[in-house]
C-alpha atoms as a PDB file:
ATOM      1  CA  MET A   1     -95.353 -18.237 -23.637  1.00  0.00           C
ATOM      2  CA  THR A   2     -97.514 -15.200 -24.211  1.00  0.00           C
ATOM      3  CA  GLU A   3     -97.459 -13.062 -27.334  1.00  0.00           C
ATOM      4  CA  SER A   4     -95.752 -10.253 -25.403  1.00  0.00           C
ATOM      5  CA  ASP A   5     -92.994 -12.622 -24.280  1.00  0.00           C
ATOM      6  CA  LYS A   6     -92.481 -13.820 -27.847  1.00  0.00           C
ATOM      7  CA  GLU A   7     -92.095 -10.236 -29.062  1.00  0.00           C
ATOM      8  CA  LYS A   8     -89.524  -9.532 -26.341  1.00  0.00           C
ATOM      9  CA  VAL A   9     -87.530 -12.621 -27.297  1.00  0.00           C
ATOM     10  CA  GLU A  10     -87.635 -11.673 -30.986  1.00  0.00           C
ATOM     11  CA  ALA A  11     -86.474  -8.125 -30.211  1.00  0.00           C
ATOM     12  CA  ALA A  12     -83.617  -9.435 -28.057  1.00  0.00           C
ATOM     13  CA  ALA A  13     -82.520 -11.842 -30.793  1.00  0.00           C
ATOM     14  CA  VAL A  14     -82.581  -9.142 -33.462  1.00  0.00           C
ATOM     15  CA  THR A  15     -80.624  -6.791 -31.209  1.00  0.00           C
ATOM     16  CA  GLY A  16     -78.039  -9.514 -30.579  1.00  0.00           C
ATOM     17  CA  VAL A  17     -77.594 -10.161 -34.275  1.00  0.00           C
ATOM     18  CA  GLY A  18     -77.223  -6.431 -34.888  1.00  0.00           C
ATOM     19  CA  ALA A  19     -74.600  -6.193 -32.171  1.00  0.00           C
ATOM     20  CA  GLY A  20     -72.684  -9.015 -33.836  1.00  0.00           C
ATOM     21  CA  PHE A  21     -72.727  -7.300 -37.212  1.00  0.00           C
ATOM     22  CA  GLY A  22     -71.823  -3.976 -35.623  1.00  0.00           C
ATOM     23  CA  THR A  23     -68.916  -5.556 -33.781  1.00  0.00           C
ATOM     24  CA  ALA A  24     -67.595  -7.025 -37.023  1.00  0.00           C
ATOM     25  CA  GLY A  25     -67.835  -3.637 -38.738  1.00  0.00           C
ATOM     26  CA  GLY A  26     -66.307  -1.871 -35.747  1.00  0.00           C
ATOM     27  CA  ALA A  27     -63.480  -4.394 -35.616  1.00  0.00           C
ATOM     28  CA  THR A  28     -62.756  -3.802 -39.284  1.00  0.00           C
ATOM     29  CA  VAL A  29     -62.630  -0.044 -38.775  1.00  0.00           C
ATOM     30  CA  GLY A  30     -60.610  -0.421 -35.568  1.00  0.00           C
ATOM     31  CA  VAL A  31     -58.009  -2.647 -37.212  1.00  0.00           C
ATOM     32  CA  LEU A  32     -57.760  -0.364 -40.235  1.00  0.00           C
ATOM     33  CA  GLU A  33     -57.371   2.583 -37.868  1.00  0.00           C
ATOM     34  CA  LEU A  34     -54.514   0.835 -36.082  1.00  0.00           C
ATOM     35  CA  ALA A  35     -52.841  -0.162 -39.345  1.00  0.00           C
ATOM     36  CA  ALA A  36     -53.173   3.248 -40.983  1.00  0.00           C
ATOM     37  CA  THR A  37     -51.648   5.291 -38.195  1.00  0.00           C
ATOM     38  CA  GLN A  38     -48.304   4.681 -36.632  1.00  0.00           C
ATOM     39  CA  GLY A  39     -48.370   5.011 -32.873  1.00  0.00           C
ATOM     40  CA  THR A  40     -51.064   7.672 -32.550  1.00  0.00           C
ATOM     41  CA  VAL A  41     -53.880   5.193 -32.092  1.00  0.00           C
ATOM     42  CA  THR A  42     -53.870   2.812 -29.164  1.00  0.00           C
ATOM     43  CA  GLY A  43     -55.578  -0.486 -28.628  1.00  0.00           C
ATOM     44  CA  PHE A  44     -57.940   1.330 -26.284  1.00  0.00           C
ATOM     45  CA  SER A  45     -59.214   3.670 -28.991  1.00  0.00           C
ATOM     46  CA  ALA A  46     -59.605   0.721 -31.369  1.00  0.00           C
ATOM     47  CA  GLY A  47     -61.635  -1.011 -28.644  1.00  0.00           C
ATOM     48  CA  VAL A  48     -63.808   2.076 -28.307  1.00  0.00           C
ATOM     49  CA  VAL A  49     -64.452   1.998 -32.068  1.00  0.00           C
ATOM     50  CA  ILE A  50     -65.398  -1.680 -31.858  1.00  0.00           C
ATOM     51  CA  GLY A  51     -67.759  -1.004 -28.941  1.00  0.00           C
ATOM     52  CA  LEU A  52     -69.381   1.908 -30.739  1.00  0.00           C
ATOM     53  CA  GLY A  53     -69.842  -0.296 -33.794  1.00  0.00           C
ATOM     54  CA  ALA A  54     -71.580  -2.925 -31.670  1.00  0.00           C
ATOM     55  CA  MET A  55     -73.918  -0.344 -30.155  1.00  0.00           C
ATOM     56  CA  ALA A  56     -74.679   1.214 -33.530  1.00  0.00           C
ATOM     57  CA  GLY A  57     -75.389  -2.187 -35.080  1.00  0.00           C
ATOM     58  CA  ALA A  58     -77.668  -3.209 -32.222  1.00  0.00           C
ATOM     59  CA  ALA A  59     -79.573   0.078 -32.372  1.00  0.00           C
ATOM     60  CA  THR A  60     -79.917  -0.055 -36.157  1.00  0.00           C
ATOM     61  CA  PHE A  61     -81.219  -3.618 -36.184  1.00  0.00           C
ATOM     62  CA  PHE A  62     -83.588  -2.948 -33.266  1.00  0.00           C
ATOM     63  CA  LEU A  63     -85.060   0.169 -34.888  1.00  0.00           C
ATOM     64  CA  GLY A  64     -85.373  -1.670 -38.191  1.00  0.00           C
ATOM     65  CA  TYR A  65     -87.171  -4.503 -36.443  1.00  0.00           C
ATOM     66  CA  GLN A  66     -89.558  -2.077 -34.762  1.00  0.00           C
ATOM     67  CA  ALA A  67     -90.317  -0.430 -38.118  1.00  0.00           C
ATOM     68  CA  TYR A  68     -90.920  -3.862 -39.668  1.00  0.00           C
ATOM     69  CA  ARG A  69     -93.318  -4.776 -36.855  1.00  0.00           C
ATOM     70  CA  ARG A  70     -95.304  -1.554 -37.415  1.00  0.00           C
ATOM     71  CA  LEU A  71     -95.556  -2.184 -41.154  1.00  0.00           C
ATOM     72  CA  LYS A  72     -96.515  -5.834 -40.678  1.00  0.00           C
ATOM     73  CA  LYS A  73     -99.131  -5.109 -37.977  1.00  0.00           C
ATOM     74  CA  PRO A  74    -102.654  -5.504 -39.380  1.00  0.00           C
ATOM     75  CA  LYS A  75    -104.707  -2.311 -39.372  1.00  0.00           C
ATOM     76  CA  SER A  76    -107.756  -2.525 -37.181  1.00  0.00           C
END
C-alpha cells in the first residue's frame, strides 16, 4: 500500500467517525425537536436534522484531520 493510499484510508476513517458523532448529535437534536413540539414537527424533519448532523460531523472531522496533517507535515 502506497503512502497516498494510506492517507486516503485515514481520511475515510476519520470522516466515518465524524459522521457517526454527527449522527448521534443530530439524533439528539431531532428527538428533542420532536418532543418539544406537538404535531408541528414530523419524523421527516427530524430525519433531515439527523442527516444534516451527520454531514456536519463528517465535514468537521475531515477538515480537522486535514488541518492536523498540515501541522504535522515536516517543513522542507
